[in-house]
Amino acid sequence: MNYHFAWCPKYRREILVGKLAERLDTLIREKASQLGCKILNLSIAPDHVHMFIQAYPLLSPNRIIAQIKGFSSHMLRKEFPELLKMPTLWTRSYFVSTAGNVSAKTIAHYIEAQKGK
């Protein structure tokens, strides 16, 4: 299954920049690999993240995002103490949609176009 996820920091704060954004990219890819998933495209903007991921159908979307958000929040808050002043790093909500072969290119193009916004 291919999933398009989007989520943002609490209060949509523009904190996903510089070293923090670089580390977040690494953490997301690390956790996806641990889950047996393949990142097809990833875009980190200052105030939100878009991820296009391929996963086995037995792995539910809510488990994928919970693992990625939980792991990245835990690690980033440990490595960047300035994040501890926030009550939580991520909002509880997120967007997810499935994508078939026909729309996979469209979603990948959309996520690529989000870089730098």
C-alpha atoms as a PDB file:
ATOM      1  CA  MET A   1       0.000   0.000   0.000  1.00  0.00           C
ATOM      2  CA  ASN A   2       1.120   3.545  -0.705  1.00  0.00           C
ATOM      3  CA  TYR A   3       0.144   6.231   1.790  1.00  0.00           C
ATOM      4  CA  HIS A   4       0.449   9.999   1.693  1.00  0.00           C
ATOM      5  CA  PHE A   5       0.788  11.454   5.204  1.00  0.00           C
ATOM      6  CA  ALA A   6       0.944  15.089   6.279  1.00  0.00           C
ATOM      7  CA  TRP A   7       1.326  16.396   9.833  1.00  0.00           C
ATOM      8  CA  CYS A   8       2.565  19.478  11.649  1.00  0.00           C
ATOM      9  CA  PRO A   9       4.127  20.631  14.902  1.00  0.00           C
ATOM     10  CA  LYS A  10       1.883  21.765  17.742  1.00  0.00           C
ATOM     11  CA  TYR A  11       0.420  25.221  16.974  1.00  0.00           C
ATOM     12  CA  ARG A  12       1.954  24.862  13.484  1.00  0.00           C
ATOM     13  CA  ARG A  13       5.148  26.448  14.747  1.00  0.00           C
ATOM     14  CA  GLU A  14       7.835  26.967  12.104  1.00  0.00           C
ATOM     15  CA  ILE A  15      10.540  24.978  13.874  1.00  0.00           C
ATOM     16  CA  LEU A  16      11.436  22.323  11.300  1.00  0.00           C
ATOM     17  CA  VAL A  17      14.505  24.094   9.923  1.00  0.00           C
ATOM     18  CA  GLY A  18      18.274  23.631   9.793  1.00  0.00           C
ATOM     19  CA  LYS A  19      19.837  20.846  11.844  1.00  0.00           C
ATOM     20  CA  LEU A  20      16.461  19.932  13.359  1.00  0.00           C
ATOM     21  CA  ALA A  21      14.942  19.322   9.898  1.00  0.00           C
ATOM     22  CA  GLU A  22      17.991  17.313   8.826  1.00  0.00           C
ATOM     23  CA  ARG A  23      17.785  15.151  11.942  1.00  0.00           C
ATOM     24  CA  LEU A  24      14.020  14.697  11.505  1.00  0.00           C
ATOM     25  CA  ASP A  25      14.601  13.438   7.955  1.00  0.00           C
ATOM     26  CA  THR A  26      17.088  10.870   9.262  1.00  0.00           C
ATOM     27  CA  LEU A  27      14.800   9.761  12.095  1.00  0.00           C
ATOM     28  CA  ILE A  28      11.770   9.322   9.823  1.00  0.00           C
ATOM     29  CA  ARG A  29      13.782   7.225   7.372  1.00  0.00           C
ATOM     30  CA  GLU A  30      15.268   5.167  10.217  1.00  0.00           C
ATOM     31  CA  LYS A  31      11.879   4.369  11.760  1.00  0.00           C
ATOM     32  CA  ALA A  32      10.294   3.620   8.379  1.00  0.00           C
ATOM     33  CA  SER A  33      13.076   1.147   7.692  1.00  0.00           C
ATOM     34  CA  GLN A  34      12.554  -0.489  11.101  1.00  0.00           C
ATOM     35  CA  LEU A  35       8.856  -0.888  10.260  1.00  0.00           C
ATOM     36  CA  GLY A  36       9.715  -2.496   6.916  1.00  0.00           C
ATOM     37  CA  CYS A  37       8.425   0.501   4.960  1.00  0.00           C
ATOM     38  CA  LYS A  38       9.965   2.367   2.051  1.00  0.00           C
ATOM     39  CA  ILE A  39       9.937   6.176   1.870  1.00  0.00           C
ATOM     40  CA  LEU A  40       8.991   7.117  -1.680  1.00  0.00           C
ATOM     41  CA  ASN A  41       9.166  10.866  -1.066  1.00  0.00           C
ATOM     42  CA  LEU A  42       9.655  13.102   1.944  1.00  0.00           C
ATOM     43  CA  SER A  43       9.373  16.861   2.238  1.00  0.00           C
ATOM     44  CA  ILE A  44       9.973  18.791   5.452  1.00  0.00           C
ATOM     45  CA  ALA A  45       8.736  22.392   5.459  1.00  0.00           C
ATOM     46  CA  PRO A  46       9.254  24.708   8.457  1.00  0.00           C
ATOM     47  CA  ASP A  47       5.691  24.089   9.688  1.00  0.00           C
ATOM     48  CA  HIS A  48       4.666  20.685   8.293  1.00  0.00           C
ATOM     49  CA  VAL A  49       5.838  17.352   6.905  1.00  0.00           C
ATOM     50  CA  HIS A  50       4.684  15.438   3.812  1.00  0.00           C
ATOM     51  CA  MET A  51       5.602  11.790   3.500  1.00  0.00           C
ATOM     52  CA  PHE A  52       4.798   9.322   0.730  1.00  0.00           C
ATOM     53  CA  ILE A  53       5.468   5.824   2.019  1.00  0.00           C
ATOM     54  CA  GLN A  54       5.049   2.249   0.858  1.00  0.00           C
ATOM     55  CA  ALA A  55       4.024  -0.300   3.503  1.00  0.00           C
ATOM     56  CA  TYR A  56       2.702  -3.818   3.740  1.00  0.00           C
ATOM     57  CA  PRO A  57      -1.114  -3.908   3.989  1.00  0.00           C
ATOM     58  CA  LEU A  58      -0.868  -5.641   7.383  1.00  0.00           C
ATOM     59  CA  LEU A  59       0.655  -2.482   8.842  1.00  0.00           C
ATOM     60  CA  SER A  60      -2.146   0.013   9.521  1.00  0.00           C
ATOM     61  CA  PRO A  61      -1.692   3.701   8.667  1.00  0.00           C
ATOM     62  CA  ASN A  62      -2.392   4.780  12.257  1.00  0.00           C
ATOM     63  CA  ARG A  63       0.381   2.463  13.503  1.00  0.00           C
ATOM     64  CA  ILE A  64       2.840   3.818  10.921  1.00  0.00           C
ATOM     65  CA  ILE A  65       2.240   7.453  11.818  1.00  0.00           C
ATOM     66  CA  ALA A  66       2.095   6.785  15.573  1.00  0.00           C
ATOM     67  CA  GLN A  67       5.472   5.044  15.427  1.00  0.00           C
ATOM     68  CA  ILE A  68       7.102   7.730  13.287  1.00  0.00           C
ATOM     69  CA  LYS A  69       5.702  10.684  15.223  1.00  0.00           C
ATOM     70  CA  GLY A  70       6.372   9.081  18.612  1.00  0.00           C
ATOM     71  CA  PHE A  71       9.935   8.057  17.784  1.00  0.00           C
ATOM     72  CA  SER A  72      10.856  11.360  16.148  1.00  0.00           C
ATOM     73  CA  SER A  73       9.346  13.401  18.985  1.00  0.00           C
ATOM     74  CA  HIS A  74      11.171  11.396  21.640  1.00  0.00           C
ATOM     75  CA  MET A  75      14.533  11.627  19.882  1.00  0.00           C
ATOM     76  CA  LEU A  76      14.264  15.283  18.820  1.00  0.00           C
ATOM     77  CA  ARG A  77      13.196  16.441  22.286  1.00  0.00           C
ATOM     78  CA  LYS A  78      16.162  14.559  23.750  1.00  0.00           C
ATOM     79  CA  GLU A  79      18.643  16.041  21.238  1.00  0.00           C
ATOM     80  CA  PHE A  80      17.204  19.586  21.008  1.00  0.00           C
ATOM     81  CA  PRO A  81      16.426  20.808  24.566  1.00  0.00           C
ATOM     82  CA  GLU A  82      14.700  23.955  23.234  1.00  0.00           C
ATOM     83  CA  LEU A  83      11.808  21.691  22.164  1.00  0.00           C
ATOM     84  CA  LEU A  84      11.116  20.808  25.790  1.00  0.00           C
ATOM     85  CA  LYS A  85       9.378  24.163  26.311  1.00  0.00           C
ATOM     86  CA  MET A  86       6.593  22.926  24.010  1.00  0.00           C
ATOM     87  CA  PRO A  87       3.974  20.708  25.702  1.00  0.00           C
ATOM     88  CA  THR A  88       4.293  18.244  22.796  1.00  0.00           C
ATOM     89  CA  LEU A  89       6.151  18.344  19.495  1.00  0.00           C
ATOM     90  CA  TRP A  90       3.400  17.134  17.153  1.00  0.00           C
ATOM     91  CA  THR A  91      -0.317  17.782  16.992  1.00  0.00           C
ATOM     92  CA  ARG A  92      -2.446  14.690  17.561  1.00  0.00           C
ATOM     93  CA  SER A  93      -3.965  15.003  14.100  1.00  0.00           C
ATOM     94  CA  TYR A  94      -2.600  14.078  10.695  1.00  0.00           C
ATOM     95  CA  PHE A  95      -3.779  13.648   7.124  1.00  0.00           C
ATOM     96  CA  VAL A  96      -3.553  10.282   5.363  1.00  0.00           C
ATOM     97  CA  SER A  97      -4.747   9.017   2.020  1.00  0.00           C
ATOM     98  CA  THR A  98      -4.053   5.862   0.074  1.00  0.00           C
ATOM     99  CA  ALA A  99      -2.634   5.999  -3.397  1.00  0.00           C
ATOM    100  CA  GLY A 100      -2.776   3.526  -6.231  1.00  0.00           C
ATOM    101  CA  ASN A 101      -0.390   3.281  -9.147  1.00  0.00           C
ATOM    102  CA  VAL A 102      -2.262   5.902 -11.140  1.00  0.00           C
ATOM    103  CA  SER A 103      -2.060   8.632  -8.501  1.00  0.00           C
ATOM    104  CA  ALA A 104       1.361   7.736  -7.065  1.00  0.00           C
ATOM    105  CA  LYS A 105       3.152   9.953  -9.599  1.00  0.00           C
ATOM    106  CA  THR A 106       0.785  12.826  -8.890  1.00  0.00           C
ATOM    107  CA  ILE A 107       1.339  12.599  -5.132  1.00  0.00           C
ATOM    108  CA  ALA A 108       5.120  12.332  -5.512  1.00  0.00           C
ATOM    109  CA  HIS A 109       5.084  15.409  -7.774  1.00  0.00           C
ATOM    110  CA  TYR A 110       2.929  17.325  -5.270  1.00  0.00           C
ATOM    111  CA  ILE A 111       5.260  16.491  -2.382  1.00  0.00           C
ATOM    112  CA  GLU A 112       8.312  17.467  -4.450  1.00  0.00           C
ATOM    113  CA  ALA A 113       6.638  20.806  -5.223  1.00  0.00           C
ATOM    114  CA  GLN A 114       6.184  21.431  -1.457  1.00  0.00           C
ATOM    115  CA  LYS A 115       9.933  21.679  -0.858  1.00  0.00           C
ATOM    116  CA  GLY A 116      10.930  25.199  -0.035  1.00  0.00           C
ATOM    117  CA  LYS A 117       7.404  26.369   0.811  1.00  0.00           C
END
